[in-house]
Each structure stands twice: as C-alpha cells, then as structure tokens.
Amino acid sequence: MAQTIFSSILSSSYFLHRSHTPNLSLRTSSLTYPFSSPIHRTTTSIAAAANIAVRPNVVPPIESVTQLIESLINGVDLSESEAESCLHLMLNEANESLISAFLVLLRAKGETVEEIAGLAKAMMKHATKVEGLVDVVDIVGTGGDGANTVNISTGASILAAACGVKVAKQGSRSSSSACGSADVLEALGVIIDLGPQGVKKCVSEVGIGFMMSPKYHPAMKIVRPVRKQLKVRTVFNILGPMLNPAQARFAVVGVYKEDLVSSITDKLIDLPSVAACTHVQDVRRHRASKF
C-alpha cells in the first residue's frame, strides 16, 4: 500500500515537473514536537534549550542599520522588540554588506532568546501564509552541521506522505551544506515554487506539499545570497524550522548539534504534546553514536 501511495506521489503531474534520482548521503539529528503554542513561547523554548543566554536589555532604540551594526560590534544584546525592528530595517534599508555584518556579528556575540523570538515574530508578520491545512506535519532541519551531506528530511517527508501522513514541508536550497531540501526535490522533478493554493492542492491530492522558504518569507530571499557566500551557520538556521507558512502544529526537527537533542527536548516537555523524542543513531566513519 505504501509503495502504491509513494508511486502516486512521484507520478503526480502537479507535484512533479521532471524526474531523475540524485545520489543522496543522509544524516540527521531529530526530535518530534507539536507547534501548538504561540510563536513567542516556541521560539523562547528552543532558544533557551540551545543554551542561549538571556541577557539584560541595555540597547538604545535602534533607528538605523548603522546603529544596529555598532551595537553588535560592542557586544550589546537586542531586546525582542528591537530584534523585530532590525528585521524591518534589513528588509527596507540593508545591502548585502550590512546583512553579512549583521549575521556574523550576531553569531559572534551569541544569539539571545529575545533576539530569536523578535526575529521570528517579525518574519511571521511578513510571511505569506498557507491557510486551511489542518493536522499537517513539517519535517525539517536547521542545517548547519558542517557534515556536507544531504539532510534526510526530504526523504522522510515523502515516506511519511506515502504512509498516509499529511505533510506541509518547508525548506530552501543549501546555504552551508552540499544540498538542501529544495535541491533534492528539484532534482526529483518537483515544482518547488508553488504558491499557497498550489501547496494546498498538493497536500490534498497526494498528501505532501513543499513551501520554498524564500517565496514565503521575504527576509529569507534577501539574506539567501549572503548566507550562500558565508557558508557558515547563522541565526536563520535556528529560525527556519519555527517559521512554517502553513503553521503546522506538529513537526520533526533536525538540529545541527547532537547535544541539543536532549536539551531541546527537556525544554519542550512543558508544551502540550502527544509526541516524544525521536532517538537517533548517527553512523559516521564506521562508528555509530546514539543520542
């Protein structure tokens, strides 16, 4: 039965454009949890779980990109509202040089809970939503693990759909690894730039739809060239899995550091959940590590 459904997914004229199969090397760290809480609570939980310190708000009001960069150079943390404002500045005023400076300085300083929550809130305000999808699942990863392999979330999404799960997957092209979800799906012949109605039609007819992050999040589109050139992990790796345009209540999320699996699970245990941690074994250089 699963094979039949899988075949129907890969033969759908709407979901597919052309077809050939790439060689894939798969690796992931993952945990399972629902997105049933407000964005602030979710982003705060994930950021806190990643050992991101909560620091005092000592930043004057941010009124320009130059002021933002100067604050980060001095190691000053942004409040949630200031982080939200800085995304608006990047969308309206920043060029690639300033965006690059922002991403590098923020990572060097260390992203705080408030900064991640503010950026996530701003991105969802600007996002194009996919409305009307109920009880769908997102299978997605942060990327940025430096392993230079293909994340397994794409294959897992197709397999889940073949087994009857409704999947609303978000993703993008690779920024810091060999291949991203969009690269894999495009190689398989999938149309990766569908709008909301197209995604809903795919989920309804074949059980899976793909949302190209830069199409639904203007900030993702603006920062993508910079992230591609930097080839290092940035705050957008952490933000990505939190920003499903279909606002999926459930998700399987891959993270870039294995020691985040247990710590994130500990924080997410407070959220209403019918799911549990997915235990993972990482096979690398003929050795298996379980976490």
C-alpha atoms as a PDB file:
ATOM      1  CA  MET A   1       0.000   0.000   0.000  1.00  0.00           C
ATOM      2  CA  ALA A   2       2.759   2.431   0.975  1.00  0.00           C
ATOM      3  CA  GLN A   3       4.577   1.658  -2.260  1.00  0.00           C
ATOM      4  CA  THR A   4       1.427   2.443  -4.248  1.00  0.00           C
ATOM      5  CA  ILE A   5       0.955   5.782  -2.486  1.00  0.00           C
ATOM      6  CA  PHE A   6       4.646   6.580  -2.900  1.00  0.00           C
ATOM      7  CA  SER A   7       4.357   5.901  -6.629  1.00  0.00           C
ATOM      8  CA  SER A   8       1.316   8.147  -6.890  1.00  0.00           C
ATOM      9  CA  ILE A   9       3.217  10.966  -5.191  1.00  0.00           C
ATOM     10  CA  LEU A  10       6.149  10.667  -7.564  1.00  0.00           C
ATOM     11  CA  SER A  11       3.880  10.451 -10.612  1.00  0.00           C
ATOM     12  CA  SER A  12       1.589  13.370  -9.793  1.00  0.00           C
ATOM     13  CA  SER A  13       1.591  15.773 -12.740  1.00  0.00           C
ATOM     14  CA  TYR A  14       1.032  18.683 -10.376  1.00  0.00           C
ATOM     15  CA  PHE A  15       3.715  17.807  -7.835  1.00  0.00           C
ATOM     16  CA  LEU A  16       6.269  16.767 -10.454  1.00  0.00           C
ATOM     17  CA  HIS A  17       7.773  18.512 -13.434  1.00  0.00           C
ATOM     18  CA  ARG A  18      10.506  16.092 -14.472  1.00  0.00           C
ATOM     19  CA  SER A  19      12.207  13.137 -12.840  1.00  0.00           C
ATOM     20  CA  HIS A  20      15.598  11.703 -12.164  1.00  0.00           C
ATOM     21  CA  THR A  21      17.100  10.498  -8.912  1.00  0.00           C
ATOM     22  CA  PRO A  22      20.210  12.083  -7.345  1.00  0.00           C
ATOM     23  CA  ASN A  23      22.765  10.257  -5.236  1.00  0.00           C
ATOM     24  CA  LEU A  24      21.970  11.050  -1.618  1.00  0.00           C
ATOM     25  CA  SER A  25      24.080  10.865   1.550  1.00  0.00           C
ATOM     26  CA  LEU A  26      21.763  11.088   4.535  1.00  0.00           C
ATOM     27  CA  ARG A  27      22.317  12.192   8.125  1.00  0.00           C
ATOM     28  CA  THR A  28      20.203  13.914  10.738  1.00  0.00           C
ATOM     29  CA  SER A  29      19.640  14.597  14.402  1.00  0.00           C
ATOM     30  CA  SER A  30      15.974  14.907  15.218  1.00  0.00           C
ATOM     31  CA  LEU A  31      13.232  15.326  17.759  1.00  0.00           C
ATOM     32  CA  THR A  32       9.463  15.386  17.480  1.00  0.00           C
ATOM     33  CA  TYR A  33       7.135  18.007  18.899  1.00  0.00           C
ATOM     34  CA  PRO A  34       3.917  19.933  18.159  1.00  0.00           C
ATOM     35  CA  PHE A  35       3.668  23.585  17.197  1.00  0.00           C
ATOM     36  CA  SER A  36       0.519  24.175  19.253  1.00  0.00           C
ATOM     37  CA  SER A  37       1.769  27.195  21.183  1.00  0.00           C
ATOM     38  CA  PRO A  38       2.259  30.863  20.237  1.00  0.00           C
ATOM     39  CA  ILE A  39       5.396  31.714  18.296  1.00  0.00           C
ATOM     40  CA  HIS A  40       6.928  33.539  21.249  1.00  0.00           C
ATOM     41  CA  ARG A  41       6.670  30.525  23.538  1.00  0.00           C
ATOM     42  CA  THR A  42       8.028  28.170  20.905  1.00  0.00           C
ATOM     43  CA  THR A  43      10.973  30.355  19.937  1.00  0.00           C
ATOM     44  CA  THR A  44      11.784  31.070  23.569  1.00  0.00           C
ATOM     45  CA  SER A  45      11.770  27.355  24.398  1.00  0.00           C
ATOM     46  CA  ILE A  46      14.027  26.410  21.509  1.00  0.00           C
ATOM     47  CA  ALA A  47      16.425  29.288  22.008  1.00  0.00           C
ATOM     48  CA  ALA A  48      16.695  28.656  25.739  1.00  0.00           C
ATOM     49  CA  ALA A  49      17.225  24.964  25.109  1.00  0.00           C
ATOM     50  CA  ALA A  50      20.162  25.761  22.854  1.00  0.00           C
ATOM     51  CA  ASN A  51      21.962  27.271  25.845  1.00  0.00           C
ATOM     52  CA  ILE A  52      21.362  30.782  24.517  1.00  0.00           C
ATOM     53  CA  ALA A  53      21.778  33.171  27.415  1.00  0.00           C
ATOM     54  CA  VAL A  54      19.080  35.624  28.482  1.00  0.00           C
ATOM     55  CA  ARG A  55      20.901  38.909  28.937  1.00  0.00           C
ATOM     56  CA  PRO A  56      19.715  42.316  30.152  1.00  0.00           C
ATOM     57  CA  ASN A  57      18.284  44.743  27.649  1.00  0.00           C
ATOM     58  CA  VAL A  58      20.735  47.635  27.513  1.00  0.00           C
ATOM     59  CA  VAL A  59      20.269  48.710  23.910  1.00  0.00           C
ATOM     60  CA  PRO A  60      19.133  52.212  22.948  1.00  0.00           C
ATOM     61  CA  PRO A  61      16.319  52.318  20.380  1.00  0.00           C
ATOM     62  CA  ILE A  62      17.565  51.004  17.040  1.00  0.00           C
ATOM     63  CA  GLU A  63      16.797  53.539  14.327  1.00  0.00           C
ATOM     64  CA  SER A  64      19.254  52.634  11.561  1.00  0.00           C
ATOM     65  CA  VAL A  65      21.239  49.700  10.234  1.00  0.00           C
ATOM     66  CA  THR A  66      24.462  51.531  11.112  1.00  0.00           C
ATOM     67  CA  GLN A  67      23.347  51.858  14.722  1.00  0.00           C
ATOM     68  CA  LEU A  68      22.410  48.176  14.743  1.00  0.00           C
ATOM     69  CA  ILE A  69      25.861  47.139  13.494  1.00  0.00           C
ATOM     70  CA  GLU A  70      27.571  49.422  16.018  1.00  0.00           C
ATOM     71  CA  SER A  71      25.583  47.859  18.862  1.00  0.00           C
ATOM     72  CA  LEU A  72      26.547  44.343  17.800  1.00  0.00           C
ATOM     73  CA  ILE A  73      30.219  45.328  17.445  1.00  0.00           C
ATOM     74  CA  ASN A  74      30.067  46.435  21.085  1.00  0.00           C
ATOM     75  CA  GLY A  75      28.509  43.116  22.088  1.00  0.00           C
ATOM     76  CA  VAL A  76      25.225  44.691  23.129  1.00  0.00           C
ATOM     77  CA  ASP A  77      22.132  42.484  23.154  1.00  0.00           C
ATOM     78  CA  LEU A  78      18.877  43.444  21.471  1.00  0.00           C
ATOM     79  CA  SER A  79      15.515  43.283  23.172  1.00  0.00           C
ATOM     80  CA  GLU A  80      12.750  41.305  21.498  1.00  0.00           C
ATOM     81  CA  SER A  81      11.148  44.456  20.085  1.00  0.00           C
ATOM     82  CA  GLU A  82      14.499  45.748  18.824  1.00  0.00           C
ATOM     83  CA  ALA A  83      15.256  42.440  17.131  1.00  0.00           C
ATOM     84  CA  GLU A  84      11.858  42.658  15.491  1.00  0.00           C
ATOM     85  CA  SER A  85      12.632  46.192  14.326  1.00  0.00           C
ATOM     86  CA  CYS A  86      16.036  45.215  12.955  1.00  0.00           C
ATOM     87  CA  LEU A  87      14.408  42.735  10.585  1.00  0.00           C
ATOM     88  CA  HIS A  88      12.280  45.559   9.207  1.00  0.00           C
ATOM     89  CA  LEU A  89      15.460  47.606   8.734  1.00  0.00           C
ATOM     90  CA  MET A  90      17.101  44.767   6.816  1.00  0.00           C
ATOM     91  CA  LEU A  91      14.078  44.399   4.570  1.00  0.00           C
ATOM     92  CA  ASN A  92      13.942  48.088   3.754  1.00  0.00           C
ATOM     93  CA  GLU A  93      17.439  49.565   4.077  1.00  0.00           C
ATOM     94  CA  ALA A  94      20.222  47.000   4.237  1.00  0.00           C
ATOM     95  CA  ASN A  95      22.537  45.887   1.442  1.00  0.00           C
ATOM     96  CA  GLU A  96      24.462  42.604   1.273  1.00  0.00           C
ATOM     97  CA  SER A  97      27.476  44.006   3.130  1.00  0.00           C
ATOM     98  CA  LEU A  98      25.358  45.163   6.056  1.00  0.00           C
ATOM     99  CA  ILE A  99      23.373  41.918   6.130  1.00  0.00           C
ATOM    100  CA  SER A 100      26.618  39.948   6.199  1.00  0.00           C
ATOM    101  CA  ALA A 101      27.920  42.091   9.055  1.00  0.00           C
ATOM    102  CA  PHE A 102      24.680  41.611  10.980  1.00  0.00           C
ATOM    103  CA  LEU A 103      24.696  37.815  10.626  1.00  0.00           C
ATOM    104  CA  VAL A 104      28.376  37.400  11.516  1.00  0.00           C
ATOM    105  CA  LEU A 105      28.328  39.822  14.452  1.00  0.00           C
ATOM    106  CA  LEU A 106      25.138  38.340  15.873  1.00  0.00           C
ATOM    107  CA  ARG A 107      26.587  34.849  15.806  1.00  0.00           C
ATOM    108  CA  ALA A 108      29.921  36.017  17.244  1.00  0.00           C
ATOM    109  CA  LYS A 109      28.111  37.771  20.097  1.00  0.00           C
ATOM    110  CA  GLY A 110      25.741  34.860  20.642  1.00  0.00           C
ATOM    111  CA  GLU A 111      22.036  34.981  19.862  1.00  0.00           C
ATOM    112  CA  THR A 112      19.777  35.542  22.876  1.00  0.00           C
ATOM    113  CA  VAL A 113      16.274  34.220  23.473  1.00  0.00           C
ATOM    114  CA  GLU A 114      14.815  37.692  22.944  1.00  0.00           C
ATOM    115  CA  GLU A 115      16.657  38.230  19.671  1.00  0.00           C
ATOM    116  CA  ILE A 116      15.475  34.934  18.195  1.00  0.00           C
ATOM    117  CA  ALA A 117      11.903  35.493  19.374  1.00  0.00           C
ATOM    118  CA  GLY A 118      11.839  39.013  17.935  1.00  0.00           C
ATOM    119  CA  LEU A 119      13.241  37.955  14.568  1.00  0.00           C
ATOM    120  CA  ALA A 120      10.797  35.047  14.359  1.00  0.00           C
ATOM    121  CA  LYS A 121       7.849  37.264  15.216  1.00  0.00           C
ATOM    122  CA  ALA A 122       8.844  39.809  12.563  1.00  0.00           C
ATOM    123  CA  MET A 123       9.319  37.125   9.921  1.00  0.00           C
ATOM    124  CA  MET A 124       5.883  35.643  10.578  1.00  0.00           C
ATOM    125  CA  LYS A 125       4.327  39.104  10.289  1.00  0.00           C
ATOM    126  CA  HIS A 126       5.818  39.471   6.806  1.00  0.00           C
ATOM    127  CA  ALA A 127       5.223  35.855   5.766  1.00  0.00           C
ATOM    128  CA  THR A 128       2.824  34.682   3.097  1.00  0.00           C
ATOM    129  CA  LYS A 129       0.609  32.152   4.876  1.00  0.00           C
ATOM    130  CA  VAL A 130      -0.846  28.886   3.628  1.00  0.00           C
ATOM    131  CA  GLU A 131      -4.256  28.831   5.289  1.00  0.00           C
ATOM    132  CA  GLY A 132      -6.663  25.970   5.858  1.00  0.00           C
ATOM    133  CA  LEU A 133      -4.313  22.999   6.301  1.00  0.00           C
ATOM    134  CA  VAL A 134      -5.296  21.041   9.426  1.00  0.00           C
ATOM    135  CA  ASP A 135      -3.204  18.486  11.339  1.00  0.00           C
ATOM    136  CA  VAL A 136      -0.305  18.622   8.920  1.00  0.00           C
ATOM    137  CA  VAL A 137       3.274  17.737   9.836  1.00  0.00           C
ATOM    138  CA  ASP A 138       6.500  19.509   8.926  1.00  0.00           C
ATOM    139  CA  ILE A 139       9.731  17.505   8.704  1.00  0.00           C
ATOM    140  CA  VAL A 140      12.571  19.989   8.593  1.00  0.00           C
ATOM    141  CA  GLY A 141      16.113  20.612   9.808  1.00  0.00           C
ATOM    142  CA  THR A 142      18.221  23.556  10.860  1.00  0.00           C
ATOM    143  CA  GLY A 143      21.125  22.548   8.631  1.00  0.00           C
ATOM    144  CA  GLY A 144      24.485  23.987   9.542  1.00  0.00           C
ATOM    145  CA  ASP A 145      26.023  20.818  10.953  1.00  0.00           C
ATOM    146  CA  GLY A 146      29.078  21.136   8.719  1.00  0.00           C
ATOM    147  CA  ALA A 147      28.830  17.493   7.623  1.00  0.00           C
ATOM    148  CA  ASN A 148      28.324  18.482   3.973  1.00  0.00           C
ATOM    149  CA  THR A 149      25.676  15.786   3.498  1.00  0.00           C
ATOM    150  CA  VAL A 150      22.048  15.765   2.371  1.00  0.00           C
ATOM    151  CA  ASN A 151      19.535  16.193   5.188  1.00  0.00           C
ATOM    152  CA  ILE A 152      17.201  13.262   5.495  1.00  0.00           C
ATOM    153  CA  SER A 153      14.100  15.399   5.995  1.00  0.00           C
ATOM    154  CA  THR A 154      13.186  15.331   2.305  1.00  0.00           C
ATOM    155  CA  GLY A 155      13.136  11.558   2.002  1.00  0.00           C
ATOM    156  CA  ALA A 156      11.418  11.257   5.376  1.00  0.00           C
ATOM    157  CA  SER A 157       8.707  13.676   4.233  1.00  0.00           C
ATOM    158  CA  ILE A 158       7.974  11.660   1.092  1.00  0.00           C
ATOM    159  CA  LEU A 159       7.949   8.418   3.069  1.00  0.00           C
ATOM    160  CA  ALA A 160       5.610   9.885   5.698  1.00  0.00           C
ATOM    161  CA  ALA A 161       3.229  11.042   2.974  1.00  0.00           C
ATOM    162  CA  ALA A 162       3.364   7.576   1.409  1.00  0.00           C
ATOM    163  CA  CYS A 163       2.231   6.175   4.756  1.00  0.00           C
ATOM    164  CA  GLY A 164      -0.767   8.500   4.918  1.00  0.00           C
ATOM    165  CA  VAL A 165       0.561  11.469   6.898  1.00  0.00           C
ATOM    166  CA  LYS A 166      -0.328  14.918   5.575  1.00  0.00           C
ATOM    167  CA  VAL A 167       2.978  16.777   5.157  1.00  0.00           C
ATOM    168  CA  ALA A 168       3.379  20.521   4.673  1.00  0.00           C
ATOM    169  CA  LYS A 169       7.138  20.760   4.284  1.00  0.00           C
ATOM    170  CA  GLN A 170       9.107  23.960   4.197  1.00  0.00           C
ATOM    171  CA  GLY A 171      12.685  24.288   3.070  1.00  0.00           C
ATOM    172  CA  SER A 172      15.190  26.001   0.836  1.00  0.00           C
ATOM    173  CA  ARG A 173      18.333  25.465  -1.157  1.00  0.00           C
ATOM    174  CA  SER A 174      21.575  24.679   0.590  1.00  0.00           C
ATOM    175  CA  SER A 175      23.429  27.546   2.248  1.00  0.00           C
ATOM    176  CA  SER A 176      26.141  25.774   4.218  1.00  0.00           C
ATOM    177  CA  SER A 177      25.974  22.132   3.098  1.00  0.00           C
ATOM    178  CA  ALA A 178      26.096  20.059  -0.069  1.00  0.00           C
ATOM    179  CA  CYS A 179      22.374  20.005  -0.684  1.00  0.00           C
ATOM    180  CA  GLY A 180      19.132  21.412   0.713  1.00  0.00           C
ATOM    181  CA  SER A 181      15.561  20.169   0.537  1.00  0.00           C
ATOM    182  CA  ALA A 182      14.767  22.334  -2.471  1.00  0.00           C
ATOM    183  CA  ASP A 183      17.818  20.997  -4.321  1.00  0.00           C
ATOM    184  CA  VAL A 184      16.733  17.392  -3.718  1.00  0.00           C
ATOM    185  CA  LEU A 185      13.120  17.975  -4.745  1.00  0.00           C
ATOM    186  CA  GLU A 186      14.120  19.923  -7.833  1.00  0.00           C
ATOM    187  CA  ALA A 187      16.412  17.061  -8.868  1.00  0.00           C
ATOM    188  CA  LEU A 188      13.440  14.709  -8.464  1.00  0.00           C
ATOM    189  CA  GLY A 189      11.398  16.913 -10.774  1.00  0.00           C
ATOM    190  CA  VAL A 190       9.220  18.604  -8.172  1.00  0.00           C
ATOM    191  CA  ILE A 191       7.909  22.117  -8.807  1.00  0.00           C
ATOM    192  CA  ILE A 192       9.447  23.908  -5.831  1.00  0.00           C
ATOM    193  CA  ASP A 193       7.999  27.409  -6.168  1.00  0.00           C
ATOM    194  CA  LEU A 194       4.254  26.802  -5.824  1.00  0.00           C
ATOM    195  CA  GLY A 195       2.075  29.415  -4.160  1.00  0.00           C
ATOM    196  CA  PRO A 196      -0.357  28.751  -1.284  1.00  0.00           C
ATOM    197  CA  GLN A 197      -3.140  27.328  -3.446  1.00  0.00           C
ATOM    198  CA  GLY A 198      -0.736  25.007  -5.235  1.00  0.00           C
ATOM    199  CA  VAL A 199       0.650  23.734  -1.933  1.00  0.00           C
ATOM    200  CA  LYS A 200      -2.854  23.112  -0.583  1.00  0.00           C
ATOM    201  CA  LYS A 201      -3.757  21.228  -3.759  1.00  0.00           C
ATOM    202  CA  CYS A 202      -0.665  19.023  -3.428  1.00  0.00           C
ATOM    203  CA  VAL A 203      -1.368  18.220   0.217  1.00  0.00           C
ATOM    204  CA  SER A 204      -4.999  17.467  -0.589  1.00  0.00           C
ATOM    205  CA  GLU A 205      -4.336  15.291  -3.645  1.00  0.00           C
ATOM    206  CA  VAL A 206      -1.053  13.496  -2.881  1.00  0.00           C
ATOM    207  CA  GLY A 207      -0.504  14.116   0.820  1.00  0.00           C
ATOM    208  CA  ILE A 208       2.537  16.379   0.599  1.00  0.00           C
ATOM    209  CA  GLY A 209       3.269  19.951  -0.413  1.00  0.00           C
ATOM    210  CA  PHE A 210       6.505  21.934  -0.438  1.00  0.00           C
ATOM    211  CA  MET A 211       6.862  25.581   0.540  1.00  0.00           C
ATOM    212  CA  MET A 212      10.031  27.270  -0.702  1.00  0.00           C
ATOM    213  CA  SER A 213      11.069  29.466   2.231  1.00  0.00           C
ATOM    214  CA  PRO A 214      12.326  32.476   0.214  1.00  0.00           C
ATOM    215  CA  LYS A 215       8.983  32.578  -1.623  1.00  0.00           C
ATOM    216  CA  TYR A 216       7.026  32.763   1.632  1.00  0.00           C
ATOM    217  CA  HIS A 217       9.478  34.764   3.750  1.00  0.00           C
ATOM    218  CA  PRO A 218      10.856  37.976   2.173  1.00  0.00           C
ATOM    219  CA  ALA A 219      13.753  38.057   4.637  1.00  0.00           C
ATOM    220  CA  MET A 220      14.855  34.570   3.589  1.00  0.00           C
ATOM    221  CA  LYS A 221      15.008  35.719  -0.020  1.00  0.00           C
ATOM    222  CA  ILE A 222      17.035  38.807   0.863  1.00  0.00           C
ATOM    223  CA  VAL A 223      19.602  37.039   3.060  1.00  0.00           C
ATOM    224  CA  ARG A 224      20.000  33.909   0.935  1.00  0.00           C
ATOM    225  CA  PRO A 225      22.816  35.241  -1.339  1.00  0.00           C
ATOM    226  CA  VAL A 226      24.756  36.356   1.734  1.00  0.00           C
ATOM    227  CA  ARG A 227      24.259  33.033   3.535  1.00  0.00           C
ATOM    228  CA  LYS A 228      25.381  31.202   0.408  1.00  0.00           C
ATOM    229  CA  GLN A 229      28.597  33.217   0.300  1.00  0.00           C
ATOM    230  CA  LEU A 230      29.275  32.937   4.030  1.00  0.00           C
ATOM    231  CA  LYS A 231      28.761  29.148   4.088  1.00  0.00           C
ATOM    232  CA  VAL A 232      28.538  29.186   7.882  1.00  0.00           C
ATOM    233  CA  ARG A 233      25.682  28.680  10.304  1.00  0.00           C
ATOM    234  CA  THR A 234      23.681  31.814  11.141  1.00  0.00           C
ATOM    235  CA  VAL A 235      20.625  32.708  13.194  1.00  0.00           C
ATOM    236  CA  PHE A 236      18.488  31.817  10.176  1.00  0.00           C
ATOM    237  CA  ASN A 237      19.395  28.157  10.682  1.00  0.00           C
ATOM    238  CA  ILE A 238      17.724  28.329  14.089  1.00  0.00           C
ATOM    239  CA  LEU A 239      14.799  30.402  12.833  1.00  0.00           C
ATOM    240  CA  GLY A 240      13.932  28.307   9.784  1.00  0.00           C
ATOM    241  CA  PRO A 241      12.155  25.360  11.443  1.00  0.00           C
ATOM    242  CA  MET A 242       9.997  27.721  13.531  1.00  0.00           C
ATOM    243  CA  LEU A 243       8.511  29.534  10.547  1.00  0.00           C
ATOM    244  CA  ASN A 244       6.264  27.077   8.724  1.00  0.00           C
ATOM    245  CA  PRO A 245       3.967  29.144   6.458  1.00  0.00           C
ATOM    246  CA  ALA A 246       1.184  26.569   6.974  1.00  0.00           C
ATOM    247  CA  GLN A 247       1.621  26.958  10.745  1.00  0.00           C
ATOM    248  CA  ALA A 248       1.873  23.191  11.142  1.00  0.00           C
ATOM    249  CA  ARG A 249       1.007  22.035  14.659  1.00  0.00           C
ATOM    250  CA  PHE A 250       3.405  19.098  14.538  1.00  0.00           C
ATOM    251  CA  ALA A 251       6.990  18.826  13.381  1.00  0.00           C
ATOM    252  CA  VAL A 252      10.043  16.617  13.288  1.00  0.00           C
ATOM    253  CA  VAL A 253      13.053  18.909  13.520  1.00  0.00           C
ATOM    254  CA  GLY A 254      16.688  18.114  12.800  1.00  0.00           C
ATOM    255  CA  VAL A 255      19.242  20.137  14.749  1.00  0.00           C
ATOM    256  CA  TYR A 256      22.850  20.965  13.959  1.00  0.00           C
ATOM    257  CA  LYS A 257      24.414  19.734  17.221  1.00  0.00           C
ATOM    258  CA  GLU A 258      23.661  16.360  18.754  1.00  0.00           C
ATOM    259  CA  ASP A 259      23.883  17.663  22.315  1.00  0.00           C
ATOM    260  CA  LEU A 260      20.935  19.954  21.544  1.00  0.00           C
ATOM    261  CA  VAL A 261      18.593  16.966  21.148  1.00  0.00           C
ATOM    262  CA  SER A 262      18.240  16.223  24.862  1.00  0.00           C
ATOM    263  CA  SER A 263      18.384  19.859  25.966  1.00  0.00           C
ATOM    264  CA  ILE A 264      15.711  20.966  23.494  1.00  0.00           C
ATOM    265  CA  THR A 265      13.545  18.005  24.474  1.00  0.00           C
ATOM    266  CA  ASP A 266      13.844  18.993  28.159  1.00  0.00           C
ATOM    267  CA  LYS A 267      12.558  22.475  27.365  1.00  0.00           C
ATOM    268  CA  LEU A 268       9.796  21.316  25.022  1.00  0.00           C
ATOM    269  CA  ILE A 269       8.445  18.837  27.565  1.00  0.00           C
ATOM    270  CA  ASP A 270       6.447  21.702  29.100  1.00  0.00           C
ATOM    271  CA  LEU A 271       4.460  22.153  25.887  1.00  0.00           C
ATOM    272  CA  PRO A 272       1.186  20.251  25.280  1.00  0.00           C
ATOM    273  CA  SER A 273       2.319  17.189  23.375  1.00  0.00           C
ATOM    274  CA  VAL A 274       1.270  13.757  22.193  1.00  0.00           C
ATOM    275  CA  ALA A 275       4.740  13.172  20.789  1.00  0.00           C
ATOM    276  CA  ALA A 276       8.099  12.211  22.212  1.00  0.00           C
ATOM    277  CA  CYS A 277      11.783  12.473  21.453  1.00  0.00           C
ATOM    278  CA  THR A 278      12.992  10.544  18.436  1.00  0.00           C
ATOM    279  CA  HIS A 279      16.127   8.620  19.342  1.00  0.00           C
ATOM    280  CA  VAL A 280      18.773   8.832  16.645  1.00  0.00           C
ATOM    281  CA  GLN A 281      21.862   6.860  15.733  1.00  0.00           C
ATOM    282  CA  ASP A 282      24.479   8.690  13.719  1.00  0.00           C
ATOM    283  CA  VAL A 283      26.644   6.397  11.603  1.00  0.00           C
ATOM    284  CA  ARG A 284      29.896   8.074  10.615  1.00  0.00           C
ATOM    285  CA  ARG A 285      33.311   6.667   9.733  1.00  0.00           C
ATOM    286  CA  HIS A 286      32.133   3.138  10.574  1.00  0.00           C
ATOM    287  CA  ARG A 287      31.080   4.181  14.090  1.00  0.00           C
ATOM    288  CA  ALA A 288      27.562   4.581  15.483  1.00  0.00           C
ATOM    289  CA  SER A 289      26.687   7.222  18.074  1.00  0.00           C
ATOM    290  CA  LYS A 290      23.286   7.047  19.761  1.00  0.00           C
ATOM    291  CA  PHE A 291      21.528  10.099  21.151  1.00  0.00           C
END
